[in-house]
């Protein structure tokens, strides 16, 4: 009797999977500034802390579809790499305009094109929901904060009017009998809204199959937190009016807000669960599609065209950076001390900045004047403005335009107290802000012929808490100093060497 032993062929990793993994690693290396900037936002901003859960959630959604993925293998389609052709231009425009979220969205889109090219349409469409969910890795949405602030302030005003509570409304400030409330950026509800949308999409992908139900639940996850945040803010004002203390009502309101938000999400889930749809049945073994040929190593190189397209944008920006002249402060700033103020000593100067100390009736102000390269983009200009505020949590800032002084903003941080005025001058004129300003900076960065932008920061740190009346006095002192200067736009041109 003879015995024969048959062995099943060893399973090997498909070259397409290897190409996809290596391509994804290459994209991370190419777009490392975008990746690291996103992670910093996740860490620093409470509005985007949930982003750490996005990748694990996407992986779970793919795992949850494991039965329907049986029998499907990667089928690379090199021709689909042509979809990456617009990406370098889109990335370059976003980089010149200083829109980091745009750069991050382009980088993630390059990953999506890579997945489509290496997996093939059939497998890509089978996991398209989890892959598109990865777009929540991008910390976008901050641009809606002013609109959310306006809605919250309007909701409080309308609610107090309906409830017949005596109050005064002035822009984002609400005055009631107990004191004054201000609808700051942190109170706009962005952190609740972004987290709710991410959760709503996850819940819809997990529990619904029909596009209609998914869309309705996603819309509910947008509308409900906006309205709920208005109710929360109105409740804080009403509680302050009842207690007779605005400070007591506002204490730890963000912590209470998260508790309130959690309850709202639980109610949203409870409303959505009755409409849950059963998962689609797994295909029978006899009807499984054939595995087919994944194209071998020949098609595994389909990742290369995607990578070559993706790298063109950063390469162009790097080339522009090599020809940019460094910023240079051509002279010492000429500042005028208003009545009651004195400039202490001589300015401390460096290649691109000068610092001086101002004493106004015993209050010390630190003045910082910085010039930037003439090829600077809107993003770098924004970073320079933010650096004038120091290492603080900008979500807790109350920022307003300085009355009567174009190009200037006043930012107040309550804990610890810090008052900072920041002025920006571009092309020898006060910065207008907005998209038009970014477009002008992008044009200047290409030509290199414009004068160097100038950023001026003036900061006072009392080291103690002050009353609202004293705070207004300090802000007025700051404004008097700025208005006492003869012509800061002309001074900015002189400092930039124009």
Protein backbone atom coordinates (compact mmCIF):
# COMPACT_ATOMS: atom_id res chain seq x y z
CA UNK A 1 0.00 0.00 0.00
CA UNK A 2 1.35 3.39 -0.89
CA UNK A 3 0.43 6.63 0.77
CA UNK A 4 0.39 9.95 -1.00
CA UNK A 5 0.24 13.31 0.70
CA UNK A 6 -1.15 16.30 -1.11
CA UNK A 7 -0.35 19.79 0.07
CA UNK A 8 -2.33 22.88 -0.75
CA UNK A 9 -0.36 25.61 -2.47
CA UNK A 10 0.95 28.20 -0.06
CA UNK A 11 -1.04 31.40 -0.06
CA UNK A 12 1.05 34.34 -1.12
CA UNK A 13 0.40 38.03 -0.72
CA UNK A 14 -0.89 39.53 -3.94
CA UNK A 15 1.57 41.94 -5.62
CA UNK A 16 -1.32 44.41 -5.84
CA UNK A 17 -1.58 44.54 -2.03
CA UNK A 18 2.18 45.07 -1.78
CA UNK A 19 2.01 47.86 -4.36
CA UNK A 20 -0.88 49.47 -2.49
CA UNK A 21 0.95 49.33 0.86
CA UNK A 22 4.17 50.74 -0.59
CA UNK A 23 2.25 53.44 -2.47
CA UNK A 24 0.36 54.48 0.69
CA UNK A 25 3.66 54.70 2.62
CA UNK A 26 5.13 56.85 -0.18
CA UNK A 27 2.11 59.19 -0.07
CA UNK A 28 2.54 59.63 3.69
CA UNK A 29 6.19 60.55 3.12
CA UNK A 30 5.33 63.00 0.31
CA UNK A 31 2.59 64.69 2.31
CA UNK A 32 4.18 64.47 5.74
CA UNK A 33 3.64 68.22 6.46
CA UNK A 34 -0.08 67.74 5.80
CA UNK A 35 -0.22 64.61 7.96
CA UNK A 36 1.67 66.16 10.88
CA UNK A 37 -0.43 69.36 10.69
CA UNK A 38 -3.61 67.28 10.89
CA UNK A 39 -2.37 65.35 13.93
CA UNK A 40 -1.41 68.60 15.68
CA UNK A 41 -4.95 69.88 15.19
CA UNK A 42 -6.37 66.62 16.54
CA UNK A 43 -4.26 67.04 19.66
CA UNK A 44 -4.69 70.78 20.20
CA UNK A 45 -8.36 71.22 19.26
CA UNK A 46 -11.21 69.63 21.18
CA UNK A 47 -13.32 69.96 18.01
CA UNK A 48 -11.23 67.31 16.24
CA UNK A 49 -10.19 64.89 18.97
CA UNK A 50 -12.55 62.30 17.46
CA UNK A 51 -10.30 62.13 14.36
CA UNK A 52 -8.10 59.64 16.21
CA UNK A 53 -11.02 57.18 15.91
CA UNK A 54 -11.61 57.63 12.18
CA UNK A 55 -9.08 55.07 10.89
CA UNK A 56 -10.13 52.37 13.42
CA UNK A 57 -13.78 53.00 12.53
CA UNK A 58 -13.03 52.67 8.81
CA UNK A 59 -11.18 49.42 9.50
CA UNK A 60 -14.14 48.11 11.50
CA UNK A 61 -16.56 49.02 8.70
CA UNK A 62 -14.44 47.00 6.27
CA UNK A 63 -14.33 44.10 8.74
CA UNK A 64 -18.10 44.28 9.11
CA UNK A 65 -18.36 43.72 5.34
CA UNK A 66 -16.01 40.72 5.36
CA UNK A 67 -18.66 38.21 4.20
CA UNK A 68 -19.64 40.26 1.17
CA UNK A 69 -15.95 40.64 0.24
CA UNK A 70 -15.34 36.90 0.00
CA UNK A 71 -14.04 35.93 -3.42
CA UNK A 72 -13.03 39.46 -4.43
CA UNK A 73 -9.37 40.10 -5.21
CA UNK A 74 -7.49 43.21 -6.33
CA UNK A 75 -7.56 43.79 -10.07
CA UNK A 76 -5.20 46.72 -10.79
CA UNK A 77 -6.26 49.00 -13.63
CA UNK A 78 -3.28 51.22 -14.59
CA UNK A 79 -5.45 53.47 -16.80
CA UNK A 80 -7.31 54.69 -13.70
CA UNK A 81 -4.11 56.45 -12.59
CA UNK A 82 -5.07 59.17 -15.09
CA UNK A 83 -7.59 60.37 -12.49
CA UNK A 84 -4.61 61.72 -10.51
CA UNK A 85 -3.67 64.21 -13.24
CA UNK A 86 -5.64 67.19 -11.75
CA UNK A 87 -4.28 66.60 -8.23
CA UNK A 88 -0.93 68.44 -8.47
CA UNK A 89 -2.63 71.57 -9.78
CA UNK A 90 -5.26 71.42 -7.03
CA UNK A 91 -2.59 70.92 -4.34
CA UNK A 92 -0.48 73.79 -5.72
CA UNK A 93 -3.45 76.18 -5.71
CA UNK A 94 -4.31 75.20 -2.12
CA UNK A 95 -0.68 75.64 -1.04
CA UNK A 96 -0.35 79.07 -2.67
CA UNK A 97 -3.67 80.17 -1.15
CA UNK A 98 -2.51 78.96 2.26
CA UNK A 99 -5.39 76.52 2.74
CA UNK A 100 -3.97 73.56 4.65
CA UNK A 101 -7.30 71.74 4.64
CA UNK A 102 -7.24 71.89 0.84
CA UNK A 103 -3.77 70.35 0.75
CA UNK A 104 -4.90 67.60 3.12
CA UNK A 105 -8.00 66.86 1.04
CA UNK A 106 -5.88 66.55 -2.10
CA UNK A 107 -3.46 64.21 -0.32
CA UNK A 108 -6.33 62.01 0.83
CA UNK A 109 -7.83 62.08 -2.67
CA UNK A 110 -4.50 60.83 -4.03
CA UNK A 111 -4.82 57.89 -1.63
CA UNK A 112 -8.35 57.22 -2.90
CA UNK A 113 -7.12 57.22 -6.52
CA UNK A 114 -4.31 54.88 -5.48
CA UNK A 115 -6.83 52.49 -3.91
CA UNK A 116 -9.07 52.62 -6.98
CA UNK A 117 -6.13 51.96 -9.31
CA UNK A 118 -4.69 49.09 -7.30
CA UNK A 119 -7.94 47.42 -6.15
CA UNK A 120 -9.91 47.87 -9.33
CA UNK A 121 -13.47 49.24 -9.57
CA UNK A 122 -15.22 46.12 -8.28
CA UNK A 123 -13.34 45.76 -5.00
CA UNK A 124 -13.09 49.52 -4.52
CA UNK A 125 -16.87 49.94 -4.78
CA UNK A 126 -17.34 47.10 -2.28
CA UNK A 127 -15.46 49.14 0.37
CA UNK A 128 -16.12 52.66 -0.92
CA UNK A 129 -18.08 53.69 2.21
CA UNK A 130 -15.25 52.96 4.68
CA UNK A 131 -12.65 54.46 2.32
CA UNK A 132 -14.60 57.69 1.88
CA UNK A 133 -15.08 57.81 5.67
CA UNK A 134 -11.34 58.48 5.86
CA UNK A 135 -12.03 62.03 4.69
CA UNK A 136 -12.97 62.74 8.31
CA UNK A 137 -9.23 62.55 9.02
CA UNK A 138 -9.04 66.06 7.56
CA UNK A 139 -9.84 68.67 10.27
CA UNK A 140 -12.05 70.84 8.08
CA UNK A 141 -15.14 72.91 8.88
CA UNK A 142 -13.68 75.80 10.90
CA UNK A 143 -14.89 78.22 8.21
CA UNK A 144 -18.50 77.71 9.37
CA UNK A 145 -17.72 78.98 12.89
CA UNK A 146 -18.88 82.59 12.22
CA UNK A 147 -22.17 81.29 10.82
CA UNK A 148 -22.64 79.02 13.85
CA UNK A 149 -21.89 81.94 16.18
CA UNK A 150 -24.48 84.08 14.43
CA UNK A 151 -27.10 81.33 14.60
CA UNK A 152 -26.42 80.70 18.30
CA UNK A 153 -26.69 84.41 19.11
CA UNK A 154 -29.91 84.67 17.08
CA UNK A 155 -31.33 81.58 18.83
CA UNK A 156 -30.60 83.07 22.27
CA UNK A 157 -32.14 86.40 21.27
CA UNK A 158 -35.26 84.71 19.87
CA UNK A 159 -35.58 82.42 22.89
CA UNK A 160 -35.29 85.26 25.40
CA UNK A 161 -37.83 87.27 23.43
CA UNK A 162 -40.33 84.40 23.36
CA UNK A 163 -39.84 83.80 27.10
CA UNK A 164 -40.25 87.54 27.77
CA UNK A 165 -36.84 87.89 29.43
CA UNK A 166 -35.54 91.46 29.41
CA UNK A 167 -32.25 91.62 27.55
CA UNK A 168 -30.08 93.69 25.23
CA UNK A 169 -28.47 92.21 22.13
CA UNK A 170 -25.35 93.70 20.55
CA UNK A 171 -23.78 91.51 17.89
CA UNK A 172 -22.47 88.48 19.86
CA UNK A 173 -23.01 90.06 23.29
CA UNK A 174 -26.16 89.43 25.34
CA UNK A 175 -26.87 91.50 28.43
CA UNK A 176 -29.39 90.28 31.00
CA UNK A 177 -30.10 91.24 34.59
CA UNK A 178 -27.36 88.94 35.94
CA UNK A 179 -24.58 90.17 33.68
CA UNK A 180 -23.15 89.88 30.19
CA UNK A 181 -22.72 86.80 28.04
CA UNK A 182 -20.57 86.62 24.92
CA UNK A 183 -21.02 83.99 22.21
CA UNK A 184 -17.36 83.13 21.61
CA UNK A 185 -16.02 80.78 18.95
CA UNK A 186 -15.80 78.00 21.54
CA UNK A 187 -19.55 78.41 22.20
CA UNK A 188 -20.52 78.21 18.51
CA UNK A 189 -20.94 74.45 18.67
CA UNK A 190 -18.42 73.49 15.99
CA UNK A 191 -16.91 70.74 18.14
CA UNK A 192 -20.37 69.22 18.68
CA UNK A 193 -21.31 69.53 15.02
CA UNK A 194 -18.16 67.93 13.59
CA UNK A 195 -18.29 65.02 16.04
CA UNK A 196 -22.00 64.53 15.34
CA UNK A 197 -21.49 64.41 11.56
CA UNK A 198 -18.68 61.86 11.90
CA UNK A 199 -20.83 59.74 14.22
CA UNK A 200 -23.90 60.13 12.00
CA UNK A 201 -22.07 58.87 8.92
CA UNK A 202 -20.66 55.92 10.87
CA UNK A 203 -24.09 55.01 12.26
CA UNK A 204 -25.70 55.31 8.82
CA UNK A 205 -23.06 53.13 7.13
CA UNK A 206 -23.36 50.55 9.88
CA UNK A 207 -27.13 50.30 10.15
CA UNK A 208 -28.66 51.30 6.82
CA UNK A 209 -28.32 50.01 3.27
CA UNK A 210 -30.70 52.26 1.35
CA UNK A 211 -29.32 55.68 0.25
CA UNK A 212 -32.52 57.40 1.39
CA UNK A 213 -32.29 56.31 5.02
CA UNK A 214 -28.59 57.01 5.14
CA UNK A 215 -29.11 60.52 3.76
CA UNK A 216 -31.94 61.32 6.19
CA UNK A 217 -29.93 60.20 9.23
CA UNK A 218 -26.88 62.17 8.08
CA UNK A 219 -29.01 65.30 7.63
CA UNK A 220 -30.45 64.77 11.13
CA UNK A 221 -26.91 64.48 12.53
CA UNK A 222 -26.21 67.94 11.07
CA UNK A 223 -29.40 69.79 12.01
CA UNK A 224 -29.97 68.39 15.50
CA UNK A 225 -26.62 69.40 17.09
CA UNK A 226 -26.94 72.93 15.70
CA UNK A 227 -30.37 73.34 17.27
CA UNK A 228 -29.28 71.54 20.44
CA UNK A 229 -26.30 73.88 20.86
CA UNK A 230 -28.65 76.85 20.58
CA UNK A 231 -30.81 75.33 23.33
CA UNK A 232 -27.72 74.73 25.48
CA UNK A 233 -26.55 78.35 25.09
CA UNK A 234 -30.05 79.66 25.79
CA UNK A 235 -30.22 77.47 28.90
CA UNK A 236 -26.93 78.90 30.21
CA UNK A 237 -28.23 82.47 29.82
CA UNK A 238 -31.52 81.59 31.49
CA UNK A 239 -29.70 79.87 34.34
CA UNK A 240 -27.49 82.91 34.80
CA UNK A 241 -30.54 85.15 34.88
CA UNK A 242 -32.14 82.88 37.46
CA UNK A 243 -29.04 82.60 39.66
CA UNK A 244 -28.22 86.26 39.30
CA UNK A 245 -24.65 85.45 38.24
CA UNK A 246 -23.48 85.13 34.66
CA UNK A 247 -20.11 83.83 35.81
CA UNK A 248 -21.67 81.00 37.85
CA UNK A 249 -23.85 79.90 34.96
CA UNK A 250 -21.00 79.96 32.45
CA UNK A 251 -18.56 78.07 34.70
CA UNK A 252 -17.53 74.77 33.10
CA UNK A 253 -20.20 75.25 30.44
CA UNK A 254 -18.13 73.32 27.91
CA UNK A 255 -18.01 70.27 30.20
CA UNK A 256 -21.75 70.48 30.73
CA UNK A 257 -22.08 70.96 26.98
CA UNK A 258 -20.43 67.60 26.29
CA UNK A 259 -22.80 65.91 28.74
CA UNK A 260 -25.73 67.59 27.01
CA UNK A 261 -24.33 66.61 23.61
CA UNK A 262 -23.97 62.96 24.72
CA UNK A 263 -27.62 62.89 25.75
CA UNK A 264 -28.63 64.39 22.39
CA UNK A 265 -26.63 61.72 20.53
CA UNK A 266 -28.25 58.96 22.56
CA UNK A 267 -31.68 60.32 21.65
CA UNK A 268 -30.65 60.51 17.99
CA UNK A 269 -29.54 56.87 18.08
CA UNK A 270 -32.77 55.85 19.81
CA UNK A 271 -34.73 57.57 17.05
CA UNK A 272 -32.69 55.90 14.31
CA UNK A 273 -32.56 52.32 15.60
CA UNK A 274 -36.21 51.40 14.77
CA UNK A 275 -35.44 52.02 11.08
CA UNK A 276 -32.33 49.83 11.05
CA UNK A 277 -31.98 47.56 8.02
CA UNK A 278 -30.64 44.03 8.16
CA UNK A 279 -27.29 43.48 6.45
CA UNK A 280 -27.30 42.17 2.90
CA UNK A 281 -26.94 38.36 2.83
CA UNK A 282 -23.54 36.98 1.91
CA UNK A 283 -23.36 35.44 -1.57
CA UNK A 284 -23.73 31.68 -1.74
CA UNK A 285 -20.55 29.70 -2.31
CA UNK A 286 -21.75 28.54 -5.72
CA UNK A 287 -22.31 32.07 -6.95
CA UNK A 288 -19.08 33.61 -5.72
CA UNK A 289 -17.31 35.55 -8.47
CA UNK A 290 -14.11 33.99 -9.74
CA UNK A 291 -10.91 35.20 -8.14
CA UNK A 292 -9.32 35.87 -11.48
CA UNK A 293 -5.80 37.08 -12.06
CA UNK A 294 -4.58 40.12 -10.17
CA UNK A 295 -2.18 41.00 -12.96
CA UNK A 296 1.00 39.90 -11.15
CA UNK A 297 3.92 42.22 -10.63
CA UNK A 298 3.33 43.87 -13.99
CA UNK A 299 0.21 45.69 -12.81
CA UNK A 300 1.54 46.19 -9.29
CA UNK A 301 3.58 49.06 -10.72
CA UNK A 302 0.33 50.88 -11.51
CA UNK A 303 0.92 52.80 -8.28
CA UNK A 304 3.85 54.66 -9.81
CA UNK A 305 1.86 57.02 -12.10
CA UNK A 306 -0.31 58.05 -9.14
CA UNK A 307 2.78 58.79 -7.05
CA UNK A 308 4.45 60.73 -9.86
CA UNK A 309 1.38 62.93 -10.26
CA UNK A 310 1.05 63.45 -6.51
CA UNK A 311 4.64 64.62 -6.09
CA UNK A 312 4.48 67.31 -8.80
CA UNK A 313 2.66 69.87 -6.61
CA UNK A 314 5.05 69.73 -3.62
CA UNK A 315 8.00 69.73 -6.04
CA UNK A 316 6.79 72.97 -7.68
CA UNK A 317 6.31 74.63 -4.28
CA UNK A 318 9.77 73.52 -3.19
CA UNK A 319 11.27 75.01 -6.35
CA UNK A 320 9.62 78.36 -5.61
CA UNK A 321 10.91 78.20 -2.05
CA UNK A 322 14.50 77.87 -3.20
CA UNK A 323 14.34 81.17 -5.15
CA UNK A 324 12.55 83.15 -2.44
CA UNK A 325 14.66 85.85 -0.84
CA UNK A 326 14.75 85.79 2.99
CA UNK A 327 12.84 88.45 4.90
CA UNK A 328 14.91 91.46 5.94
CA UNK A 329 14.00 94.35 8.22
CA UNK A 330 15.70 97.32 6.54
CA UNK A 331 15.41 99.79 9.43
CA UNK A 332 14.33 100.24 13.04
CA UNK A 333 10.57 100.84 13.52
CA UNK A 334 9.60 104.42 14.29
CA UNK A 335 6.85 104.19 16.90
CA UNK A 336 5.13 107.08 18.69
CA UNK A 337 4.19 106.77 22.36
CA UNK A 338 0.77 108.32 23.11
CA UNK A 339 0.15 110.50 26.15
CA UNK A 340 0.78 108.60 29.36
CA UNK A 341 3.05 106.03 27.64
CA UNK A 342 6.81 105.76 27.21
CA UNK A 343 8.98 103.52 25.04
CA UNK A 344 11.52 101.72 27.21
CA UNK A 345 15.05 101.57 25.83
CA UNK A 346 16.13 100.75 22.30
CA UNK A 347 14.40 98.12 20.16
CA UNK A 348 15.91 94.65 20.12
CA UNK A 349 16.43 93.83 16.46
CA UNK A 350 17.07 90.70 14.44
CA UNK A 351 17.28 90.06 10.71
CA UNK A 352 13.53 90.10 10.19
CA UNK A 353 12.01 91.61 13.37
CA UNK A 354 12.28 94.21 16.09
CA UNK A 355 10.89 94.12 19.64
CA UNK A 356 10.33 96.99 22.04
CA UNK A 357 8.61 97.46 25.38
CA UNK A 358 5.98 100.12 26.06
CA UNK A 359 4.90 101.37 29.50
CA UNK A 360 1.45 102.95 29.73
CA UNK A 361 0.44 104.08 33.22
CA UNK A 362 2.24 101.12 34.77
CA UNK A 363 0.96 98.59 32.26
CA UNK A 364 3.69 96.94 30.21
CA UNK A 365 3.06 96.19 26.55
CA UNK A 366 5.38 94.07 24.39
CA UNK A 367 5.54 95.32 20.79
CA UNK A 368 6.77 92.93 18.10
CA UNK A 369 7.30 94.02 14.48
CA UNK A 370 8.08 91.31 11.92
CA UNK A 371 8.61 91.39 8.15
CA UNK A 372 7.93 88.30 6.03
CA UNK A 373 9.37 87.14 2.69
CA UNK A 374 7.76 88.75 -0.35
CA UNK A 375 6.84 85.29 -1.65
CA UNK A 376 4.95 84.40 1.53
CA UNK A 377 1.62 82.59 1.13
CA UNK A 378 -1.60 83.17 3.02
CA UNK A 379 -0.92 80.16 5.23
CA UNK A 380 2.50 81.40 6.33
CA UNK A 381 1.08 84.87 6.95
CA UNK A 382 -1.64 83.35 9.14
CA UNK A 383 0.98 81.41 11.08
CA UNK A 384 2.95 84.61 11.68
CA UNK A 385 -0.18 86.32 12.96
CA UNK A 386 -0.90 83.36 15.24
CA UNK A 387 2.67 83.42 16.56
CA UNK A 388 2.05 86.96 17.84
CA UNK A 389 -0.51 85.45 20.24
CA UNK A 390 2.04 83.03 21.70
CA UNK A 391 1.48 79.43 22.72
CA UNK A 392 -2.16 79.61 23.79
CA UNK A 393 -5.41 77.80 23.01
CA UNK A 394 -6.90 80.00 20.31
CA UNK A 395 -10.31 78.34 20.75
CA UNK A 396 -10.71 80.28 24.01
CA UNK A 397 -10.00 83.66 22.39
CA UNK A 398 -12.52 86.45 21.95
CA UNK A 399 -11.38 88.14 18.73
CA UNK A 400 -12.86 91.29 17.22
CA UNK A 401 -11.84 93.84 14.64
CA UNK A 402 -10.32 96.99 16.15
CA UNK A 403 -12.84 99.80 15.76
CA UNK A 404 -11.71 102.48 13.35
CA UNK A 405 -8.37 100.82 12.54
CA UNK A 406 -8.42 98.66 9.38
CA UNK A 407 -6.16 95.63 9.31
CA UNK A 408 -6.14 95.23 13.11
CA UNK A 409 -7.79 92.74 15.46
CA UNK A 410 -7.99 92.59 19.24
CA UNK A 411 -7.87 89.16 20.91
CA UNK A 412 -8.66 88.60 24.60
CA UNK A 413 -7.76 85.39 26.43
CA UNK A 414 -9.52 85.17 29.79
CA UNK A 415 -7.48 82.46 31.55
CA UNK A 416 -4.72 83.53 32.02
CA UNK A 417 -5.63 87.03 30.96
CA UNK A 418 -3.88 88.26 27.83
CA UNK A 419 -4.80 91.15 25.53
CA UNK A 420 -3.18 91.18 22.10
CA UNK A 421 -3.60 93.46 19.12
CA UNK A 422 -2.36 92.19 15.76
CA UNK A 423 -2.05 94.35 12.64
CA UNK A 424 -1.15 93.10 9.17
CA UNK A 425 0.01 95.09 6.15
CA UNK A 426 0.22 93.59 2.67
CA UNK A 427 1.33 95.51 -0.43
CA UNK A 428 1.82 98.57 1.77
CA UNK A 429 -1.85 98.64 2.87
CA UNK A 430 -3.88 97.18 5.77
CA UNK A 431 -4.69 93.54 5.10
CA UNK A 432 -8.26 93.05 3.92
CA UNK A 433 -8.43 89.36 4.81
CA UNK A 434 -10.61 86.84 3.06
CA UNK A 435 -10.13 84.98 -0.19
CA UNK A 436 -9.18 88.09 -2.20
CA UNK A 437 -6.26 88.69 0.15
CA UNK A 438 -5.11 85.09 -0.23
CA UNK A 439 -5.32 85.35 -4.02
CA UNK A 440 -3.21 88.53 -3.96
CA UNK A 441 -0.59 86.82 -1.78
CA UNK A 442 -0.58 83.80 -4.11
CA UNK A 443 0.05 86.09 -7.08
CA UNK A 444 2.83 87.88 -5.20
CA UNK A 445 4.41 84.54 -4.29
CA UNK A 446 4.70 83.70 -7.99
CA UNK A 447 6.06 87.06 -9.15
CA UNK A 448 8.23 87.98 -6.14
CA UNK A 449 7.89 91.70 -6.94
CA UNK A 450 5.62 92.85 -4.09
CA UNK A 451 6.94 94.48 -0.88
CA UNK A 452 7.49 92.31 2.15
CA UNK A 453 4.33 91.92 4.31
CA UNK A 454 4.58 93.29 7.85
CA UNK A 455 2.92 91.91 10.98
CA UNK A 456 2.75 93.93 14.21
CA UNK A 457 1.77 92.41 17.54
CA UNK A 458 1.15 94.30 20.82
CA UNK A 459 0.54 92.20 23.95
CA UNK A 460 -0.23 92.91 27.60
CA UNK A 461 -0.33 90.16 30.25
CA UNK A 462 -1.61 91.57 33.56
CA UNK A 463 -0.82 88.40 35.52
CA UNK A 464 -4.11 88.74 37.41
CA UNK A 465 -7.83 88.81 36.79
CA UNK A 466 -9.43 92.18 36.11
CA UNK A 467 -12.96 93.52 36.09
CA UNK A 468 -14.86 94.07 32.85
CA UNK A 469 -14.45 97.82 33.30
CA UNK A 470 -10.67 97.55 33.67
CA UNK A 471 -10.52 95.20 30.69
CA UNK A 472 -12.27 97.77 28.54
CA UNK A 473 -9.80 100.37 29.78
CA UNK A 474 -6.87 98.15 28.76
CA UNK A 475 -8.35 97.49 25.31
CA UNK A 476 -8.89 101.25 24.90
CA UNK A 477 -5.27 101.85 25.83
CA UNK A 478 -4.19 99.44 23.11
CA UNK A 479 -6.38 101.16 20.55
CA UNK A 480 -5.04 104.62 21.49
CA UNK A 481 -1.49 103.42 20.94
CA UNK A 482 -2.29 102.08 17.46
CA UNK A 483 -4.20 105.23 16.49
CA UNK A 484 -1.36 107.44 17.75
CA UNK A 485 0.97 106.15 15.04
CA UNK A 486 1.19 108.60 12.09
CA UNK A 487 0.78 106.10 9.22
CA UNK A 488 1.45 102.43 9.88
CA UNK A 489 0.84 101.51 6.24
CA UNK A 490 3.57 103.91 5.14
CA UNK A 491 5.81 102.66 7.96
CA UNK A 492 5.30 99.07 6.81
CA UNK A 493 6.46 100.02 3.31
CA UNK A 494 9.55 101.69 4.72
CA UNK A 495 10.40 98.67 6.90
CA UNK A 496 9.97 96.32 3.96
CA UNK A 497 12.40 98.33 1.84
CA UNK A 498 9.88 99.61 -0.69
